[in-house]
Amino acid sequence: MRIVAAVQDWSRQRCFGSATWEHLAELGEFHWLPEFGTAADVVGESEKSRLVGEAEVLVTAWGTPRITVAVLDRMPKLKLIAHGAGSVAFVDLAAWSRGITVTNVMPIMARGVAEFTVTCILSGLRRLDALLKPALFDSMPYFAVPKVGFALRDRTVGLVGLGIIGRETLRLLRPFGCKFLVYDPYLPAADAEAEGVTLCDLDTLLTQSDVVSLHAPGTAATEKLLNEKRLRLLKPGTVLVNTARGILIDHDALAVVAGEGKIGVYLDVTYPEPLAEGHALRKLSNVVITPHVAGPTVDGWPKMGEACVADIERFIKGGSAAVEYRVTEKQYANQSTS
């Protein structure tokens, strides 16, 4: 099996430990092209171009250029794209129509995102940022009574989207004895019942929840899902957390609503990303913005590389049916556009 790793060196160092990288190289005729995506790699008569054209397995990670139709045309023997990270939105839909198996390691990354989400929820409810910087919050209704905040136990948590990360977040929150509301138009009622959550419409979720956590994909259908009208449905004291995609929220509207000081906001993603330096959200003390770091952790990166290579080995030994982290065409349709 001819394997081409289109992985930049910084990404290789983070995601693929030396033992994992050596294991990958043992699985077939292996070639590492850290500069994959340049014209010389994809077209022409160079040695790199020849290697790309003969690849049967393409390994990708953070920093890999888009896999366009032109790139796929140059790789007629390609059978597997194995992504050592989360979203595969950088791969053209044509890959699926051509019968190419696509995998990612989103279930591994989901653990980190879910942990980060719970951290934000707990911090928001207990007003941790207020306690650390009390002078900034004395006059703000969101932090007025009581200043020690609220417990998570018995709170109502609204999950917008119950995919891989949403379910992992739900699993971590269960021991707190919360009531769970879920808005997910693609979730079957039977699955909701099995998870012990209550399906409802989005407006009901926003009105009744003490915590709202976003886990929906960023698509044309979900762009600005939370507009000013919906943001104003949030109760005073609500904690809003977005570790999904920035495109889900109208950030100008959020600045207006959050500027009234009645809700707490934690954004690990924004749209655009990064948010403009002068944007009003950056100036609000009840808004915490982190730089899209929810998923990766120092110990999580190598686990993703290990899982990616393990799936490649499964594919080589047992074909498409043997892989664990396959991304279906339906799942791809819900990938991020942001």
C-alpha atoms as a PDB file:
ATOM      1  CA  MET A   1       0.000   0.000   0.000  1.00  0.00           C
ATOM      2  CA  ARG A   2       1.453   3.390  -1.034  1.00  0.00           C
ATOM      3  CA  ILE A   3       1.055   5.903   1.773  1.00  0.00           C
ATOM      4  CA  VAL A   4       1.643   9.658   1.402  1.00  0.00           C
ATOM      5  CA  ALA A   5       1.629  11.815   4.536  1.00  0.00           C
ATOM      6  CA  ALA A   6       0.625  15.376   3.629  1.00  0.00           C
ATOM      7  CA  VAL A   7       1.475  16.589   7.121  1.00  0.00           C
ATOM      8  CA  GLN A   8       3.462  19.715   7.933  1.00  0.00           C
ATOM      9  CA  ASP A   9       6.358  19.249  10.339  1.00  0.00           C
ATOM     10  CA  TRP A  10       4.782  21.210  13.214  1.00  0.00           C
ATOM     11  CA  SER A  11       1.641  19.123  12.923  1.00  0.00           C
ATOM     12  CA  ARG A  12       3.619  15.895  12.773  1.00  0.00           C
ATOM     13  CA  GLN A  13       5.490  16.808  15.957  1.00  0.00           C
ATOM     14  CA  ARG A  14       2.263  17.530  17.821  1.00  0.00           C
ATOM     15  CA  CYS A  15       0.080  14.700  16.593  1.00  0.00           C
ATOM     16  CA  PHE A  16       2.414  11.878  15.680  1.00  0.00           C
ATOM     17  CA  GLY A  17       4.962  10.684  18.228  1.00  0.00           C
ATOM     18  CA  SER A  18       8.100   8.990  16.970  1.00  0.00           C
ATOM     19  CA  ALA A  19       6.754   5.493  17.653  1.00  0.00           C
ATOM     20  CA  THR A  20       3.458   6.285  15.901  1.00  0.00           C
ATOM     21  CA  TRP A  21       5.265   7.799  12.922  1.00  0.00           C
ATOM     22  CA  GLU A  22       7.523   4.744  12.664  1.00  0.00           C
ATOM     23  CA  HIS A  23       4.460   2.488  12.848  1.00  0.00           C
ATOM     24  CA  LEU A  24       2.889   4.437   9.985  1.00  0.00           C
ATOM     25  CA  ALA A  25       6.025   4.023   7.894  1.00  0.00           C
ATOM     26  CA  GLU A  26       5.920   0.270   8.480  1.00  0.00           C
ATOM     27  CA  LEU A  27       2.421  -0.109   7.053  1.00  0.00           C
ATOM     28  CA  GLY A  28       3.422   0.278   3.421  1.00  0.00           C
ATOM     29  CA  GLU A  29       5.547   2.164   0.918  1.00  0.00           C
ATOM     30  CA  PHE A  30       5.715   5.409   2.875  1.00  0.00           C
ATOM     31  CA  HIS A  31       6.458   8.954   1.703  1.00  0.00           C
ATOM     32  CA  TRP A  32       6.284  12.113   3.782  1.00  0.00           C
ATOM     33  CA  LEU A  33       5.558  15.291   1.822  1.00  0.00           C
ATOM     34  CA  PRO A  34       5.442  18.148   4.365  1.00  0.00           C
ATOM     35  CA  GLU A  35       5.097  20.686   1.548  1.00  0.00           C
ATOM     36  CA  PHE A  36       2.162  18.867  -0.046  1.00  0.00           C
ATOM     37  CA  GLY A  37      -0.115  21.208  -1.925  1.00  0.00           C
ATOM     38  CA  THR A  38       2.462  23.176  -3.835  1.00  0.00           C
ATOM     39  CA  ALA A  39       2.160  23.133  -7.592  1.00  0.00           C
ATOM     40  CA  ALA A  40       5.148  20.836  -7.921  1.00  0.00           C
ATOM     41  CA  ASP A  41       3.460  18.231  -5.743  1.00  0.00           C
ATOM     42  CA  VAL A  42       0.237  18.112  -7.703  1.00  0.00           C
ATOM     43  CA  VAL A  43       1.122  18.856 -11.328  1.00  0.00           C
ATOM     44  CA  GLY A  44       4.113  18.430 -13.564  1.00  0.00           C
ATOM     45  CA  GLU A  45       6.653  15.665 -13.868  1.00  0.00           C
ATOM     46  CA  SER A  46       8.519  15.989 -10.565  1.00  0.00           C
ATOM     47  CA  GLU A  47       9.226  13.058  -8.260  1.00  0.00           C
ATOM     48  CA  LYS A  48       6.769  14.488  -5.750  1.00  0.00           C
ATOM     49  CA  SER A  49       4.106  14.630  -8.410  1.00  0.00           C
ATOM     50  CA  ARG A  50       4.694  10.983  -9.250  1.00  0.00           C
ATOM     51  CA  LEU A  51       4.390   9.972  -5.589  1.00  0.00           C
ATOM     52  CA  VAL A  52       1.157  11.900  -5.213  1.00  0.00           C
ATOM     53  CA  GLY A  53      -0.253  10.288  -8.325  1.00  0.00           C
ATOM     54  CA  GLU A  54       0.481   6.803  -7.006  1.00  0.00           C
ATOM     55  CA  ALA A  55      -0.801   7.328  -3.468  1.00  0.00           C
ATOM     56  CA  GLU A  56      -3.416   4.900  -2.188  1.00  0.00           C
ATOM     57  CA  VAL A  57      -3.559   6.314   1.351  1.00  0.00           C
ATOM     58  CA  LEU A  58      -3.337  10.027   2.116  1.00  0.00           C
ATOM     59  CA  VAL A  59      -2.608  11.044   5.705  1.00  0.00           C
ATOM     60  CA  THR A  60      -3.675  14.575   6.658  1.00  0.00           C
ATOM     61  CA  ALA A  61      -3.688  16.755   9.778  1.00  0.00           C
ATOM     62  CA  TRP A  62      -3.879  20.401  10.822  1.00  0.00           C
ATOM     63  CA  GLY A  63      -2.292  22.529   8.137  1.00  0.00           C
ATOM     64  CA  THR A  64      -2.931  20.189   5.218  1.00  0.00           C
ATOM     65  CA  PRO A  65      -4.139  22.221   2.202  1.00  0.00           C
ATOM     66  CA  ARG A  66      -7.616  21.691   0.767  1.00  0.00           C
ATOM     67  CA  ILE A  67      -8.148  18.411  -1.051  1.00  0.00           C
ATOM     68  CA  THR A  68      -9.853  19.818  -4.111  1.00  0.00           C
ATOM     69  CA  VAL A  69     -11.243  18.066  -7.151  1.00  0.00           C
ATOM     70  CA  ALA A  70      -8.003  18.955  -8.952  1.00  0.00           C
ATOM     71  CA  VAL A  71      -5.981  17.193  -6.261  1.00  0.00           C
ATOM     72  CA  LEU A  72      -8.299  14.172  -6.339  1.00  0.00           C
ATOM     73  CA  ASP A  73      -7.966  14.042 -10.138  1.00  0.00           C
ATOM     74  CA  ARG A  74      -4.217  13.792  -9.655  1.00  0.00           C
ATOM     75  CA  MET A  75      -4.662  10.832  -7.281  1.00  0.00           C
ATOM     76  CA  PRO A  76      -6.647   8.215  -9.252  1.00  0.00           C
ATOM     77  CA  LYS A  77      -5.467   5.341  -7.039  1.00  0.00           C
ATOM     78  CA  LEU A  78      -6.498   6.975  -3.768  1.00  0.00           C
ATOM     79  CA  LYS A  79      -8.558   4.701  -1.514  1.00  0.00           C
ATOM     80  CA  LEU A  80      -8.313   6.325   1.925  1.00  0.00           C
ATOM     81  CA  ILE A  81      -7.964   9.817   3.372  1.00  0.00           C
ATOM     82  CA  ALA A  82      -7.068   9.472   7.064  1.00  0.00           C
ATOM     83  CA  HIS A  83      -7.273  12.776   8.935  1.00  0.00           C
ATOM     84  CA  GLY A  84      -5.414  13.003  12.236  1.00  0.00           C
ATOM     85  CA  ALA A  85      -7.663  15.813  13.515  1.00  0.00           C
ATOM     86  CA  GLY A  86     -11.338  16.809  13.573  1.00  0.00           C
ATOM     87  CA  SER A  87     -13.335  18.379  10.754  1.00  0.00           C
ATOM     88  CA  VAL A  88     -12.765  17.087   7.222  1.00  0.00           C
ATOM     89  CA  ALA A  89     -14.517  20.042   5.626  1.00  0.00           C
ATOM     90  CA  PHE A  90     -11.288  20.700   3.698  1.00  0.00           C
ATOM     91  CA  VAL A  91     -11.933  17.552   1.622  1.00  0.00           C
ATOM     92  CA  ASP A  92     -14.120  18.016  -1.445  1.00  0.00           C
ATOM     93  CA  LEU A  93     -17.399  16.095  -1.527  1.00  0.00           C
ATOM     94  CA  ALA A  94     -16.152  14.380  -4.692  1.00  0.00           C
ATOM     95  CA  ALA A  95     -14.050  12.092  -2.506  1.00  0.00           C
ATOM     96  CA  TRP A  96     -17.181  10.274  -1.354  1.00  0.00           C
ATOM     97  CA  SER A  97     -18.700  10.015  -4.830  1.00  0.00           C
ATOM     98  CA  ARG A  98     -15.442   8.424  -5.991  1.00  0.00           C
ATOM     99  CA  GLY A  99     -15.677   5.752  -3.311  1.00  0.00           C
ATOM    100  CA  ILE A 100     -12.758   7.049  -1.236  1.00  0.00           C
ATOM    101  CA  THR A 101     -13.007   6.178   2.456  1.00  0.00           C
ATOM    102  CA  VAL A 102     -12.531   9.196   4.728  1.00  0.00           C
ATOM    103  CA  THR A 103     -11.737   8.977   8.438  1.00  0.00           C
ATOM    104  CA  ASN A 104     -11.023  11.462  11.194  1.00  0.00           C
ATOM    105  CA  VAL A 105     -10.434  11.232  14.937  1.00  0.00           C
ATOM    106  CA  MET A 106     -13.257  13.492  16.101  1.00  0.00           C
ATOM    107  CA  PRO A 107     -14.270  11.098  18.920  1.00  0.00           C
ATOM    108  CA  ILE A 108     -10.792  11.561  20.412  1.00  0.00           C
ATOM    109  CA  MET A 109     -10.917  15.350  20.089  1.00  0.00           C
ATOM    110  CA  ALA A 110     -14.461  15.381  21.468  1.00  0.00           C
ATOM    111  CA  ARG A 111     -13.182  14.462  24.913  1.00  0.00           C
ATOM    112  CA  GLY A 112     -11.043  17.582  25.098  1.00  0.00           C
ATOM    113  CA  VAL A 113     -13.819  19.840  23.788  1.00  0.00           C
ATOM    114  CA  ALA A 114     -16.319  18.394  26.246  1.00  0.00           C
ATOM    115  CA  GLU A 115     -13.964  18.871  29.197  1.00  0.00           C
ATOM    116  CA  PHE A 116     -13.305  22.462  28.158  1.00  0.00           C
ATOM    117  CA  THR A 117     -17.042  23.065  27.801  1.00  0.00           C
ATOM    118  CA  VAL A 118     -17.731  21.809  31.313  1.00  0.00           C
ATOM    119  CA  THR A 119     -14.896  24.002  32.605  1.00  0.00           C
ATOM    120  CA  CYS A 120     -16.576  27.046  31.046  1.00  0.00           C
ATOM    121  CA  ILE A 121     -19.971  26.079  32.447  1.00  0.00           C
ATOM    122  CA  LEU A 122     -18.650  25.680  35.981  1.00  0.00           C
ATOM    123  CA  SER A 123     -16.631  28.880  35.769  1.00  0.00           C
ATOM    124  CA  GLY A 124     -19.622  30.803  34.473  1.00  0.00           C
ATOM    125  CA  LEU A 125     -22.066  29.547  37.079  1.00  0.00           C
ATOM    126  CA  ARG A 126     -19.661  30.168  39.960  1.00  0.00           C
ATOM    127  CA  ARG A 127     -18.625  33.580  38.546  1.00  0.00           C
ATOM    128  CA  LEU A 128     -14.973  32.554  38.736  1.00  0.00           C
ATOM    129  CA  ASP A 129     -13.863  35.374  36.487  1.00  0.00           C
ATOM    130  CA  ALA A 130     -15.753  37.825  38.677  1.00  0.00           C
ATOM    131  CA  LEU A 131     -14.093  36.534  41.823  1.00  0.00           C
ATOM    132  CA  LEU A 132     -10.672  36.906  40.238  1.00  0.00           C
ATOM    133  CA  LYS A 133     -11.363  40.481  39.110  1.00  0.00           C
ATOM    134  CA  PRO A 134     -14.030  41.812  41.495  1.00  0.00           C
ATOM    135  CA  ALA A 135     -13.466  45.465  40.713  1.00  0.00           C
ATOM    136  CA  LEU A 136     -14.616  44.912  37.139  1.00  0.00           C
ATOM    137  CA  PHE A 137     -17.940  43.377  38.091  1.00  0.00           C
ATOM    138  CA  ASP A 138     -19.277  45.254  41.117  1.00  0.00           C
ATOM    139  CA  SER A 139     -21.810  47.230  39.102  1.00  0.00           C
ATOM    140  CA  MET A 140     -22.914  44.472  36.733  1.00  0.00           C
ATOM    141  CA  PRO A 141     -26.343  42.808  37.282  1.00  0.00           C
ATOM    142  CA  TYR A 142     -24.990  39.468  36.028  1.00  0.00           C
ATOM    143  CA  PHE A 143     -22.686  39.296  39.031  1.00  0.00           C
ATOM    144  CA  ALA A 144     -24.724  41.215  41.581  1.00  0.00           C
ATOM    145  CA  VAL A 145     -26.605  38.628  43.711  1.00  0.00           C
ATOM    146  CA  PRO A 146     -25.146  36.397  44.907  1.00  0.00           C
ATOM    147  CA  LYS A 147     -21.523  37.071  43.984  1.00  0.00           C
ATOM    148  CA  VAL A 148     -20.500  33.511  44.832  1.00  0.00           C
ATOM    149  CA  GLY A 149     -22.625  32.237  41.953  1.00  0.00           C
ATOM    150  CA  PHE A 150     -24.673  29.080  41.534  1.00  0.00           C
ATOM    151  CA  ALA A 151     -24.099  25.327  41.711  1.00  0.00           C
ATOM    152  CA  LEU A 152     -24.385  23.227  38.562  1.00  0.00           C
ATOM    153  CA  ARG A 153     -26.375  20.551  40.373  1.00  0.00           C
ATOM    154  CA  ASP A 154     -30.080  20.628  39.495  1.00  0.00           C
ATOM    155  CA  ARG A 155     -29.568  23.313  36.824  1.00  0.00           C
ATOM    156  CA  THR A 156     -31.273  22.994  33.454  1.00  0.00           C
ATOM    157  CA  VAL A 157     -28.690  22.597  30.688  1.00  0.00           C
ATOM    158  CA  GLY A 158     -29.678  23.205  27.077  1.00  0.00           C
ATOM    159  CA  LEU A 159     -27.566  21.434  24.466  1.00  0.00           C
ATOM    160  CA  VAL A 160     -27.899  22.778  20.938  1.00  0.00           C
ATOM    161  CA  GLY A 161     -26.849  19.756  18.902  1.00  0.00           C
ATOM    162  CA  LEU A 162     -26.255  16.240  20.206  1.00  0.00           C
ATOM    163  CA  GLY A 163     -23.564  14.900  17.917  1.00  0.00           C
ATOM    164  CA  ILE A 164     -20.268  13.355  19.011  1.00  0.00           C
ATOM    165  CA  ILE A 165     -19.145  16.322  21.133  1.00  0.00           C
ATOM    166  CA  GLY A 166     -22.615  17.077  22.449  1.00  0.00           C
ATOM    167  CA  ARG A 167     -22.994  13.498  23.678  1.00  0.00           C
ATOM    168  CA  GLU A 168     -19.566  13.536  25.296  1.00  0.00           C
ATOM    169  CA  THR A 169     -20.477  16.774  27.074  1.00  0.00           C
ATOM    170  CA  LEU A 170     -23.750  15.194  28.200  1.00  0.00           C
ATOM    171  CA  ARG A 171     -21.833  12.213  29.595  1.00  0.00           C
ATOM    172  CA  LEU A 172     -19.557  14.454  31.654  1.00  0.00           C
ATOM    173  CA  LEU A 173     -22.471  16.512  32.979  1.00  0.00           C
ATOM    174  CA  ARG A 174     -24.662  13.590  34.068  1.00  0.00           C
ATOM    175  CA  PRO A 175     -23.127  13.225  37.572  1.00  0.00           C
ATOM    176  CA  PHE A 176     -24.243  16.791  38.387  1.00  0.00           C
ATOM    177  CA  GLY A 177     -27.890  15.752  38.301  1.00  0.00           C
ATOM    178  CA  CYS A 178     -28.889  18.315  35.685  1.00  0.00           C
ATOM    179  CA  LYS A 179     -32.051  18.402  33.637  1.00  0.00           C
ATOM    180  CA  PHE A 180     -31.182  18.283  29.937  1.00  0.00           C
ATOM    181  CA  LEU A 181     -33.026  19.973  27.100  1.00  0.00           C
ATOM    182  CA  VAL A 182     -31.840  19.285  23.555  1.00  0.00           C
ATOM    183  CA  TYR A 183     -32.489  21.047  20.284  1.00  0.00           C
ATOM    184  CA  ASP A 184     -31.366  18.882  17.393  1.00  0.00           C
ATOM    185  CA  PRO A 185     -33.638  18.549  14.339  1.00  0.00           C
ATOM    186  CA  TYR A 186     -31.718  15.455  13.212  1.00  0.00           C
ATOM    187  CA  LEU A 187     -31.948  13.526  16.482  1.00  0.00           C
ATOM    188  CA  PRO A 188     -34.565  10.735  16.465  1.00  0.00           C
ATOM    189  CA  ALA A 189     -36.995  10.800  19.384  1.00  0.00           C
ATOM    190  CA  ALA A 190     -35.953   7.274  20.313  1.00  0.00           C
ATOM    191  CA  ASP A 191     -32.325   8.370  20.667  1.00  0.00           C
ATOM    192  CA  ALA A 192     -33.346  11.302  22.866  1.00  0.00           C
ATOM    193  CA  GLU A 193     -35.331   8.965  25.077  1.00  0.00           C
ATOM    194  CA  ALA A 194     -32.406   6.551  25.302  1.00  0.00           C
ATOM    195  CA  GLU A 195     -30.119   9.419  26.351  1.00  0.00           C
ATOM    196  CA  GLY A 196     -32.583  10.614  28.958  1.00  0.00           C
ATOM    197  CA  VAL A 197     -32.934  14.100  27.474  1.00  0.00           C
ATOM    198  CA  THR A 198     -35.955  16.157  26.492  1.00  0.00           C
ATOM    199  CA  LEU A 199     -36.210  17.226  22.866  1.00  0.00           C
ATOM    200  CA  CYS A 200     -37.664  20.678  22.338  1.00  0.00           C
ATOM    201  CA  ASP A 201     -37.638  23.587  19.929  1.00  0.00           C
ATOM    202  CA  LEU A 202     -34.808  26.100  20.125  1.00  0.00           C
ATOM    203  CA  ASP A 203     -36.863  28.942  21.594  1.00  0.00           C
ATOM    204  CA  THR A 204     -38.082  26.731  24.444  1.00  0.00           C
ATOM    205  CA  LEU A 205     -34.526  25.621  25.173  1.00  0.00           C
ATOM    206  CA  LEU A 206     -33.254  29.203  25.286  1.00  0.00           C
ATOM    207  CA  THR A 207     -36.105  30.341  27.511  1.00  0.00           C
ATOM    208  CA  GLN A 208     -35.876  27.536  30.081  1.00  0.00           C
ATOM    209  CA  SER A 209     -32.155  26.765  30.344  1.00  0.00           C
ATOM    210  CA  ASP A 210     -29.726  28.024  32.991  1.00  0.00           C
ATOM    211  CA  VAL A 211     -26.834  26.973  30.752  1.00  0.00           C
ATOM    212  CA  VAL A 212     -26.847  26.917  26.941  1.00  0.00           C
ATOM    213  CA  SER A 213     -24.011  25.031  25.258  1.00  0.00           C
ATOM    214  CA  LEU A 214     -23.635  25.019  21.477  1.00  0.00           C
ATOM    215  CA  HIS A 215     -22.585  21.822  19.687  1.00  0.00           C
ATOM    216  CA  ALA A 216     -24.226  22.253  16.278  1.00  0.00           C
ATOM    217  CA  PRO A 217     -22.289  22.207  12.986  1.00  0.00           C
ATOM    218  CA  GLY A 218     -21.540  25.487  11.271  1.00  0.00           C
ATOM    219  CA  THR A 219     -23.481  25.325   8.011  1.00  0.00           C
ATOM    220  CA  ALA A 220     -25.547  27.659   5.879  1.00  0.00           C
ATOM    221  CA  ALA A 221     -28.630  26.413   7.733  1.00  0.00           C
ATOM    222  CA  THR A 222     -27.183  27.256  11.172  1.00  0.00           C
ATOM    223  CA  GLU A 223     -25.541  30.590  10.342  1.00  0.00           C
ATOM    224  CA  LYS A 224     -26.574  33.157  13.003  1.00  0.00           C
ATOM    225  CA  LEU A 225     -28.842  30.565  14.594  1.00  0.00           C
ATOM    226  CA  LEU A 226     -28.665  32.730  17.693  1.00  0.00           C
ATOM    227  CA  ASN A 227     -29.728  36.163  16.475  1.00  0.00           C
ATOM    228  CA  GLU A 228     -30.694  39.102  18.702  1.00  0.00           C
ATOM    229  CA  LYS A 229     -34.306  37.949  19.037  1.00  0.00           C
ATOM    230  CA  ARG A 230     -33.240  34.519  20.283  1.00  0.00           C
ATOM    231  CA  LEU A 231     -30.434  35.835  22.475  1.00  0.00           C
ATOM    232  CA  ARG A 232     -32.998  37.964  24.288  1.00  0.00           C
ATOM    233  CA  LEU A 233     -34.865  34.789  25.251  1.00  0.00           C
ATOM    234  CA  LEU A 234     -32.046  33.879  27.651  1.00  0.00           C
ATOM    235  CA  LYS A 235     -32.874  34.312  31.326  1.00  0.00           C
ATOM    236  CA  PRO A 236     -30.831  36.734  33.451  1.00  0.00           C
ATOM    237  CA  GLY A 237     -27.865  34.795  34.840  1.00  0.00           C
ATOM    238  CA  THR A 238     -27.730  32.311  31.966  1.00  0.00           C
ATOM    239  CA  VAL A 239     -24.298  31.061  30.926  1.00  0.00           C
ATOM    240  CA  LEU A 240     -23.867  30.755  27.141  1.00  0.00           C
ATOM    241  CA  VAL A 241     -20.957  28.613  25.916  1.00  0.00           C
ATOM    242  CA  ASN A 242     -19.848  28.166  22.310  1.00  0.00           C
ATOM    243  CA  THR A 243     -17.120  25.610  21.633  1.00  0.00           C
ATOM    244  CA  ALA A 244     -18.624  24.614  18.268  1.00  0.00           C
ATOM    245  CA  ARG A 245     -18.447  27.167  15.446  1.00  0.00           C
ATOM    246  CA  GLY A 246     -18.479  30.941  15.580  1.00  0.00           C
ATOM    247  CA  ILE A 247     -20.909  31.174  12.686  1.00  0.00           C
ATOM    248  CA  LEU A 248     -23.718  29.952  14.969  1.00  0.00           C
ATOM    249  CA  ILE A 249     -24.004  33.345  16.707  1.00  0.00           C
ATOM    250  CA  ASP A 250     -24.623  36.843  15.395  1.00  0.00           C
ATOM    251  CA  HIS A 251     -21.698  38.463  17.217  1.00  0.00           C
ATOM    252  CA  ASP A 252     -22.885  42.032  16.762  1.00  0.00           C
ATOM    253  CA  ALA A 253     -26.223  41.089  18.315  1.00  0.00           C
ATOM    254  CA  LEU A 254     -24.441  39.209  21.087  1.00  0.00           C
ATOM    255  CA  ALA A 255     -22.415  42.317  21.899  1.00  0.00           C
ATOM    256  CA  VAL A 256     -25.639  44.264  22.356  1.00  0.00           C
ATOM    257  CA  VAL A 257     -27.342  41.652  24.544  1.00  0.00           C
ATOM    258  CA  ALA A 258     -24.254  40.731  26.565  1.00  0.00           C
ATOM    259  CA  GLY A 259     -23.502  44.432  26.956  1.00  0.00           C
ATOM    260  CA  GLU A 260     -26.572  44.694  29.179  1.00  0.00           C
ATOM    261  CA  GLY A 261     -24.702  42.582  31.731  1.00  0.00           C
ATOM    262  CA  LYS A 262     -27.391  39.985  32.370  1.00  0.00           C
ATOM    263  CA  ILE A 263     -25.728  36.885  30.909  1.00  0.00           C
ATOM    264  CA  GLY A 264     -22.283  35.331  30.986  1.00  0.00           C
ATOM    265  CA  VAL A 265     -20.642  34.325  27.709  1.00  0.00           C
ATOM    266  CA  TYR A 266     -17.752  31.966  26.940  1.00  0.00           C
ATOM    267  CA  LEU A 267     -16.579  31.861  23.322  1.00  0.00           C
ATOM    268  CA  ASP A 268     -13.833  29.517  22.180  1.00  0.00           C
ATOM    269  CA  VAL A 269     -14.819  30.225  18.561  1.00  0.00           C
ATOM    270  CA  THR A 270     -15.881  33.413  16.820  1.00  0.00           C
ATOM    271  CA  TYR A 271     -16.856  34.550  13.344  1.00  0.00           C
ATOM    272  CA  PRO A 272     -14.704  35.849  11.859  1.00  0.00           C
ATOM    273  CA  GLU A 273     -11.845  34.160  13.635  1.00  0.00           C
ATOM    274  CA  PRO A 274     -10.095  35.890  15.241  1.00  0.00           C
ATOM    275  CA  LEU A 275     -12.632  38.546  16.123  1.00  0.00           C
ATOM    276  CA  ALA A 276     -11.632  42.068  15.093  1.00  0.00           C
ATOM    277  CA  GLU A 277      -9.483  43.796  17.716  1.00  0.00           C
ATOM    278  CA  GLY A 278     -11.978  46.596  18.136  1.00  0.00           C
ATOM    279  CA  HIS A 279     -15.093  44.436  18.356  1.00  0.00           C
ATOM    280  CA  ALA A 280     -17.391  45.323  21.245  1.00  0.00           C
ATOM    281  CA  LEU A 281     -17.340  41.758  22.596  1.00  0.00           C
ATOM    282  CA  ARG A 282     -13.654  42.112  23.409  1.00  0.00           C
ATOM    283  CA  LYS A 283     -14.436  44.991  25.761  1.00  0.00           C
ATOM    284  CA  LEU A 284     -17.100  43.272  27.867  1.00  0.00           C
ATOM    285  CA  SER A 285     -16.029  41.894  31.237  1.00  0.00           C
ATOM    286  CA  ASN A 286     -18.797  39.290  31.251  1.00  0.00           C
ATOM    287  CA  VAL A 287     -17.536  37.809  27.971  1.00  0.00           C
ATOM    288  CA  VAL A 288     -14.571  35.404  27.980  1.00  0.00           C
ATOM    289  CA  ILE A 289     -12.943  34.711  24.605  1.00  0.00           C
ATOM    290  CA  THR A 290     -10.385  31.948  24.166  1.00  0.00           C
ATOM    291  CA  PRO A 291      -8.455  31.309  20.914  1.00  0.00           C
ATOM    292  CA  HIS A 292     -10.091  28.086  19.602  1.00  0.00           C
ATOM    293  CA  VAL A 293      -8.224  25.811  22.000  1.00  0.00           C
ATOM    294  CA  ALA A 294     -11.021  23.617  23.383  1.00  0.00           C
ATOM    295  CA  GLY A 295     -10.091  20.428  21.541  1.00  0.00           C
ATOM    296  CA  PRO A 296      -6.317  19.939  21.480  1.00  0.00           C
ATOM    297  CA  THR A 297      -4.353  19.193  24.638  1.00  0.00           C
ATOM    298  CA  VAL A 298      -0.703  18.303  25.120  1.00  0.00           C
ATOM    299  CA  ASP A 299      -1.627  14.703  25.881  1.00  0.00           C
ATOM    300  CA  GLY A 300      -4.558  14.639  23.447  1.00  0.00           C
ATOM    301  CA  TRP A 301      -2.581  15.449  20.288  1.00  0.00           C
ATOM    302  CA  PRO A 302      -0.574  12.198  20.247  1.00  0.00           C
ATOM    303  CA  LYS A 303      -3.704  10.177  21.026  1.00  0.00           C
ATOM    304  CA  MET A 304      -5.254  11.551  17.840  1.00  0.00           C
ATOM    305  CA  GLY A 305      -2.206  10.531  15.823  1.00  0.00           C
ATOM    306  CA  GLU A 306      -2.273   7.051  17.322  1.00  0.00           C
ATOM    307  CA  ALA A 307      -5.973   6.660  16.517  1.00  0.00           C
ATOM    308  CA  CYS A 308      -5.433   7.881  12.958  1.00  0.00           C
ATOM    309  CA  VAL A 309      -2.655   5.373  12.273  1.00  0.00           C
ATOM    310  CA  ALA A 310      -4.612   2.574  13.938  1.00  0.00           C
ATOM    311  CA  ASP A 311      -7.476   3.188  11.509  1.00  0.00           C
ATOM    312  CA  ILE A 312      -5.072   3.128   8.563  1.00  0.00           C
ATOM    313  CA  GLU A 313      -3.861  -0.268   9.716  1.00  0.00           C
ATOM    314  CA  ARG A 314      -7.436  -1.499  10.038  1.00  0.00           C
ATOM    315  CA  PHE A 315      -8.166  -0.298   6.515  1.00  0.00           C
ATOM    316  CA  ILE A 316      -5.112  -2.026   5.063  1.00  0.00           C
ATOM    317  CA  LYS A 317      -5.992  -5.301   6.768  1.00  0.00           C
ATOM    318  CA  GLY A 318      -9.761  -5.275   6.442  1.00  0.00           C
ATOM    319  CA  GLY A 319     -10.859  -2.585   4.029  1.00  0.00           C
ATOM    320  CA  SER A 320     -13.382   0.176   4.561  1.00  0.00           C
ATOM    321  CA  ALA A 321     -15.664  -1.940   6.734  1.00  0.00           C
ATOM    322  CA  ALA A 322     -12.904  -2.382   9.303  1.00  0.00           C
ATOM    323  CA  VAL A 323     -12.210   1.288  10.115  1.00  0.00           C
ATOM    324  CA  GLU A 324     -13.478   2.715  13.404  1.00  0.00           C
ATOM    325  CA  TYR A 325     -13.696   6.445  12.670  1.00  0.00           C
ATOM    326  CA  ARG A 326     -15.235   6.611   9.226  1.00  0.00           C
ATOM    327  CA  VAL A 327     -16.883   9.868   8.155  1.00  0.00           C
ATOM    328  CA  THR A 328     -19.997   9.170   6.086  1.00  0.00           C
ATOM    329  CA  GLU A 329     -21.271  11.442   3.346  1.00  0.00           C
ATOM    330  CA  LYS A 330     -24.217  12.354   5.590  1.00  0.00           C
ATOM    331  CA  GLN A 331     -21.874  13.353   8.383  1.00  0.00           C
ATOM    332  CA  TYR A 332     -19.796  15.345   5.930  1.00  0.00           C
ATOM    333  CA  ALA A 333     -22.883  17.342   4.970  1.00  0.00           C
ATOM    334  CA  ASN A 334     -22.905  18.694   8.535  1.00  0.00           C
ATOM    335  CA  GLN A 335     -19.263  19.777   8.502  1.00  0.00           C
ATOM    336  CA  SER A 336     -18.262  23.348   9.366  1.00  0.00           C
ATOM    337  CA  THR A 337     -18.237  26.126   6.807  1.00  0.00           C
ATOM    338  CA  SER A 338     -16.488  28.534   9.163  1.00  0.00           C
END
